[in-house]
Amino acid sequence: MFGKRVSVTALRQAFESAPDKEIQAWISDAVSSLHYGEYAKSLTALEKLANHPGLTAQQKKITNAVIGQVKQLATSYQALPGH
């Protein structure tokens, strides 16, 4: 995707044992939206995830890293002619 990488696998692995269905839904929404180029929708889900009070330090770190990667990807996409 425009030479940028998003750590979707790391995100999923960080939350694979999370029992909260809301967390799993946000991850699913973020990844699905990213797949379809809906960066704003992906960021909304990731920001909800990042603000969840039950996250571990590692989960927060990975979530914030992915948010940064998606923002870079969105910026690259917007810089393309015609967007």
N, C-alpha and C. Protein backbone atom coordinates (compact mmCIF):
# COMPACT_ATOMS: atom_id res chain seq x y z
N MET A 1 0.83 -1.18 0.00
CA MET A 1 0.00 0.00 0.00
C MET A 1 0.88 1.24 0.00
N PHE A 2 1.15 1.76 -1.17
CA PHE A 2 1.90 3.00 -1.34
C PHE A 2 3.26 2.95 -0.66
N GLY A 3 3.87 1.79 -0.54
CA GLY A 3 5.18 1.66 0.07
C GLY A 3 5.17 1.75 1.59
N LYS A 4 4.01 1.79 2.18
CA LYS A 4 3.88 1.88 3.64
C LYS A 4 3.38 0.54 4.17
N ARG A 5 3.81 0.24 5.40
CA ARG A 5 3.38 -1.01 6.01
C ARG A 5 2.62 -0.70 7.30
N VAL A 6 1.60 -1.50 7.54
CA VAL A 6 0.81 -1.38 8.77
C VAL A 6 0.91 -2.72 9.49
N SER A 7 1.24 -2.66 10.77
CA SER A 7 1.49 -3.86 11.57
C SER A 7 0.19 -4.51 12.04
N VAL A 8 -0.61 -4.96 11.09
CA VAL A 8 -1.90 -5.59 11.42
C VAL A 8 -1.68 -6.88 12.20
N THR A 9 -0.70 -7.67 11.82
CA THR A 9 -0.44 -8.93 12.51
C THR A 9 -0.06 -8.69 13.96
N ALA A 10 0.80 -7.71 14.20
CA ALA A 10 1.20 -7.40 15.58
C ALA A 10 0.01 -6.93 16.39
N LEU A 11 -0.86 -6.15 15.77
CA LEU A 11 -2.07 -5.67 16.46
C LEU A 11 -2.96 -6.84 16.85
N ARG A 12 -3.20 -7.71 15.90
CA ARG A 12 -4.06 -8.88 16.20
C ARG A 12 -3.45 -9.76 17.28
N GLN A 13 -2.14 -9.97 17.20
CA GLN A 13 -1.47 -10.82 18.19
C GLN A 13 -1.53 -10.20 19.59
N ALA A 14 -1.41 -8.89 19.67
CA ALA A 14 -1.43 -8.22 20.97
C ALA A 14 -2.78 -8.37 21.68
N PHE A 15 -3.83 -8.57 20.88
CA PHE A 15 -5.17 -8.64 21.46
C PHE A 15 -5.83 -10.01 21.29
N GLU A 16 -5.09 -11.01 20.87
CA GLU A 16 -5.72 -12.31 20.59
C GLU A 16 -6.35 -12.94 21.82
N SER A 17 -5.86 -12.62 22.99
CA SER A 17 -6.45 -13.22 24.20
C SER A 17 -7.40 -12.26 24.91
N ALA A 18 -7.67 -11.11 24.31
CA ALA A 18 -8.58 -10.14 24.93
C ALA A 18 -10.01 -10.69 24.90
N PRO A 19 -10.62 -10.83 26.07
CA PRO A 19 -11.97 -11.42 26.12
C PRO A 19 -13.08 -10.42 25.74
N ASP A 20 -12.76 -9.15 25.76
CA ASP A 20 -13.76 -8.11 25.50
C ASP A 20 -14.18 -8.11 24.03
N LYS A 21 -15.44 -8.39 23.77
CA LYS A 21 -15.95 -8.46 22.39
C LYS A 21 -15.89 -7.10 21.71
N GLU A 22 -16.00 -6.04 22.48
CA GLU A 22 -15.91 -4.69 21.92
C GLU A 22 -14.52 -4.44 21.35
N ILE A 23 -13.49 -4.88 22.06
CA ILE A 23 -12.11 -4.74 21.58
C ILE A 23 -11.94 -5.50 20.27
N GLN A 24 -12.43 -6.74 20.24
CA GLN A 24 -12.31 -7.54 19.02
C GLN A 24 -13.05 -6.89 17.86
N ALA A 25 -14.20 -6.28 18.14
CA ALA A 25 -14.97 -5.60 17.09
C ALA A 25 -14.20 -4.40 16.55
N TRP A 26 -13.56 -3.63 17.44
CA TRP A 26 -12.79 -2.48 16.98
C TRP A 26 -11.62 -2.91 16.11
N ILE A 27 -10.95 -3.98 16.50
CA ILE A 27 -9.83 -4.48 15.69
C ILE A 27 -10.33 -4.93 14.33
N SER A 28 -11.41 -5.66 14.33
CA SER A 28 -12.00 -6.13 13.07
C SER A 28 -12.39 -4.96 12.18
N ASP A 29 -13.03 -3.94 12.76
CA ASP A 29 -13.42 -2.75 12.00
C ASP A 29 -12.20 -2.03 11.44
N ALA A 30 -11.18 -1.88 12.26
CA ALA A 30 -9.97 -1.18 11.84
C ALA A 30 -9.30 -1.89 10.67
N VAL A 31 -9.15 -3.19 10.78
CA VAL A 31 -8.47 -3.97 9.74
C VAL A 31 -9.29 -4.01 8.46
N SER A 32 -10.58 -4.24 8.60
CA SER A 32 -11.46 -4.28 7.43
C SER A 32 -11.48 -2.94 6.72
N SER A 33 -11.61 -1.86 7.47
CA SER A 33 -11.63 -0.52 6.87
C SER A 33 -10.31 -0.22 6.18
N LEU A 34 -9.22 -0.62 6.79
CA LEU A 34 -7.90 -0.42 6.19
C LEU A 34 -7.80 -1.16 4.87
N HIS A 35 -8.29 -2.37 4.85
CA HIS A 35 -8.26 -3.20 3.64
C HIS A 35 -8.98 -2.51 2.48
N TYR A 36 -10.06 -1.81 2.78
CA TYR A 36 -10.84 -1.14 1.74
C TYR A 36 -10.47 0.32 1.54
N GLY A 37 -9.38 0.76 2.17
CA GLY A 37 -8.90 2.12 1.97
C GLY A 37 -9.72 3.17 2.70
N GLU A 38 -10.49 2.75 3.68
CA GLU A 38 -11.30 3.67 4.48
C GLU A 38 -10.50 4.06 5.73
N TYR A 39 -9.50 4.92 5.51
CA TYR A 39 -8.53 5.23 6.56
C TYR A 39 -9.16 5.97 7.75
N ALA A 40 -10.09 6.89 7.49
CA ALA A 40 -10.72 7.62 8.59
C ALA A 40 -11.51 6.66 9.48
N LYS A 41 -12.21 5.73 8.87
CA LYS A 41 -12.99 4.75 9.64
C LYS A 41 -12.05 3.84 10.44
N SER A 42 -10.95 3.45 9.83
CA SER A 42 -9.96 2.63 10.52
C SER A 42 -9.39 3.37 11.72
N LEU A 43 -9.05 4.65 11.53
CA LEU A 43 -8.51 5.45 12.63
C LEU A 43 -9.51 5.63 13.76
N THR A 44 -10.77 5.77 13.43
CA THR A 44 -11.80 5.91 14.46
C THR A 44 -11.83 4.67 15.35
N ALA A 45 -11.81 3.50 14.73
CA ALA A 45 -11.82 2.25 15.49
C ALA A 45 -10.55 2.11 16.33
N LEU A 46 -9.41 2.46 15.74
CA LEU A 46 -8.13 2.35 16.46
C LEU A 46 -8.07 3.33 17.63
N GLU A 47 -8.62 4.52 17.46
CA GLU A 47 -8.61 5.49 18.56
C GLU A 47 -9.52 5.06 19.70
N LYS A 48 -10.64 4.42 19.37
CA LYS A 48 -11.50 3.86 20.42
C LYS A 48 -10.73 2.79 21.18
N LEU A 49 -10.02 1.96 20.43
CA LEU A 49 -9.22 0.90 21.03
C LEU A 49 -8.14 1.49 21.94
N ALA A 50 -7.43 2.50 21.45
CA ALA A 50 -6.34 3.11 22.21
C ALA A 50 -6.82 3.74 23.51
N ASN A 51 -8.07 4.18 23.54
CA ASN A 51 -8.61 4.84 24.73
C ASN A 51 -9.31 3.89 25.69
N HIS A 52 -9.31 2.60 25.38
CA HIS A 52 -9.93 1.62 26.28
C HIS A 52 -9.09 1.55 27.56
N PRO A 53 -9.74 1.68 28.70
CA PRO A 53 -8.99 1.72 29.97
C PRO A 53 -8.30 0.42 30.37
N GLY A 54 -8.68 -0.70 29.79
CA GLY A 54 -8.12 -1.97 30.22
C GLY A 54 -6.88 -2.44 29.46
N LEU A 55 -6.33 -1.59 28.60
CA LEU A 55 -5.18 -2.03 27.80
C LEU A 55 -3.91 -2.12 28.63
N THR A 56 -3.07 -3.08 28.27
CA THR A 56 -1.75 -3.18 28.88
C THR A 56 -0.84 -2.15 28.20
N ALA A 57 0.31 -1.91 28.78
CA ALA A 57 1.27 -0.97 28.19
C ALA A 57 1.68 -1.42 26.79
N GLN A 58 1.88 -2.72 26.61
CA GLN A 58 2.28 -3.26 25.31
C GLN A 58 1.16 -3.08 24.27
N GLN A 59 -0.07 -3.34 24.68
CA GLN A 59 -1.21 -3.17 23.76
C GLN A 59 -1.35 -1.71 23.34
N LYS A 60 -1.17 -0.80 24.29
CA LYS A 60 -1.25 0.63 23.99
C LYS A 60 -0.14 1.03 23.02
N LYS A 61 1.05 0.51 23.25
CA LYS A 61 2.21 0.83 22.40
C LYS A 61 1.95 0.37 20.96
N ILE A 62 1.49 -0.84 20.80
CA ILE A 62 1.24 -1.38 19.46
C ILE A 62 0.10 -0.62 18.79
N THR A 63 -0.96 -0.34 19.54
CA THR A 63 -2.10 0.38 18.98
C THR A 63 -1.67 1.77 18.51
N ASN A 64 -0.90 2.47 19.31
CA ASN A 64 -0.44 3.81 18.92
C ASN A 64 0.50 3.75 17.72
N ALA A 65 1.32 2.71 17.64
CA ALA A 65 2.20 2.55 16.48
C ALA A 65 1.38 2.34 15.21
N VAL A 66 0.34 1.52 15.30
CA VAL A 66 -0.52 1.25 14.15
C VAL A 66 -1.28 2.52 13.76
N ILE A 67 -1.73 3.30 14.73
CA ILE A 67 -2.40 4.57 14.42
C ILE A 67 -1.46 5.46 13.61
N GLY A 68 -0.21 5.55 14.03
CA GLY A 68 0.77 6.35 13.29
C GLY A 68 0.98 5.83 11.88
N GLN A 69 1.02 4.52 11.71
CA GLN A 69 1.21 3.92 10.39
C GLN A 69 0.02 4.21 9.48
N VAL A 70 -1.19 4.12 10.03
CA VAL A 70 -2.39 4.39 9.23
C VAL A 70 -2.44 5.86 8.85
N LYS A 71 -2.05 6.74 9.74
CA LYS A 71 -2.01 8.17 9.42
C LYS A 71 -1.03 8.44 8.27
N GLN A 72 0.13 7.80 8.30
CA GLN A 72 1.11 7.95 7.22
C GLN A 72 0.53 7.43 5.90
N LEU A 73 -0.13 6.32 5.97
CA LEU A 73 -0.73 5.73 4.78
C LEU A 73 -1.81 6.65 4.21
N ALA A 74 -2.63 7.20 5.07
CA ALA A 74 -3.68 8.12 4.63
C ALA A 74 -3.08 9.36 3.99
N THR A 75 -2.00 9.87 4.56
CA THR A 75 -1.33 11.04 4.01
C THR A 75 -0.76 10.72 2.63
N SER A 76 -0.16 9.55 2.47
CA SER A 76 0.40 9.14 1.18
C SER A 76 -0.70 9.01 0.14
N TYR A 77 -1.82 8.46 0.55
CA TYR A 77 -2.95 8.28 -0.37
C TYR A 77 -3.49 9.63 -0.82
N GLN A 78 -3.64 10.55 0.11
CA GLN A 78 -4.16 11.88 -0.23
C GLN A 78 -3.22 12.65 -1.14
N ALA A 79 -1.94 12.32 -1.09
CA ALA A 79 -0.96 13.00 -1.92
C ALA A 79 -0.98 12.52 -3.37
N LEU A 80 -1.66 11.41 -3.63
CA LEU A 80 -1.74 10.89 -5.00
C LEU A 80 -2.59 11.82 -5.86
N PRO A 81 -2.24 11.96 -7.12
CA PRO A 81 -3.04 12.81 -8.01
C PRO A 81 -4.49 12.30 -8.08
N GLY A 82 -5.42 13.21 -8.01
CA GLY A 82 -6.82 12.84 -8.11
C GLY A 82 -7.49 12.51 -6.80
N HIS A 83 -6.78 12.67 -5.67
CA HIS A 83 -7.39 12.37 -4.36
C HIS A 83 -7.34 13.55 -3.46
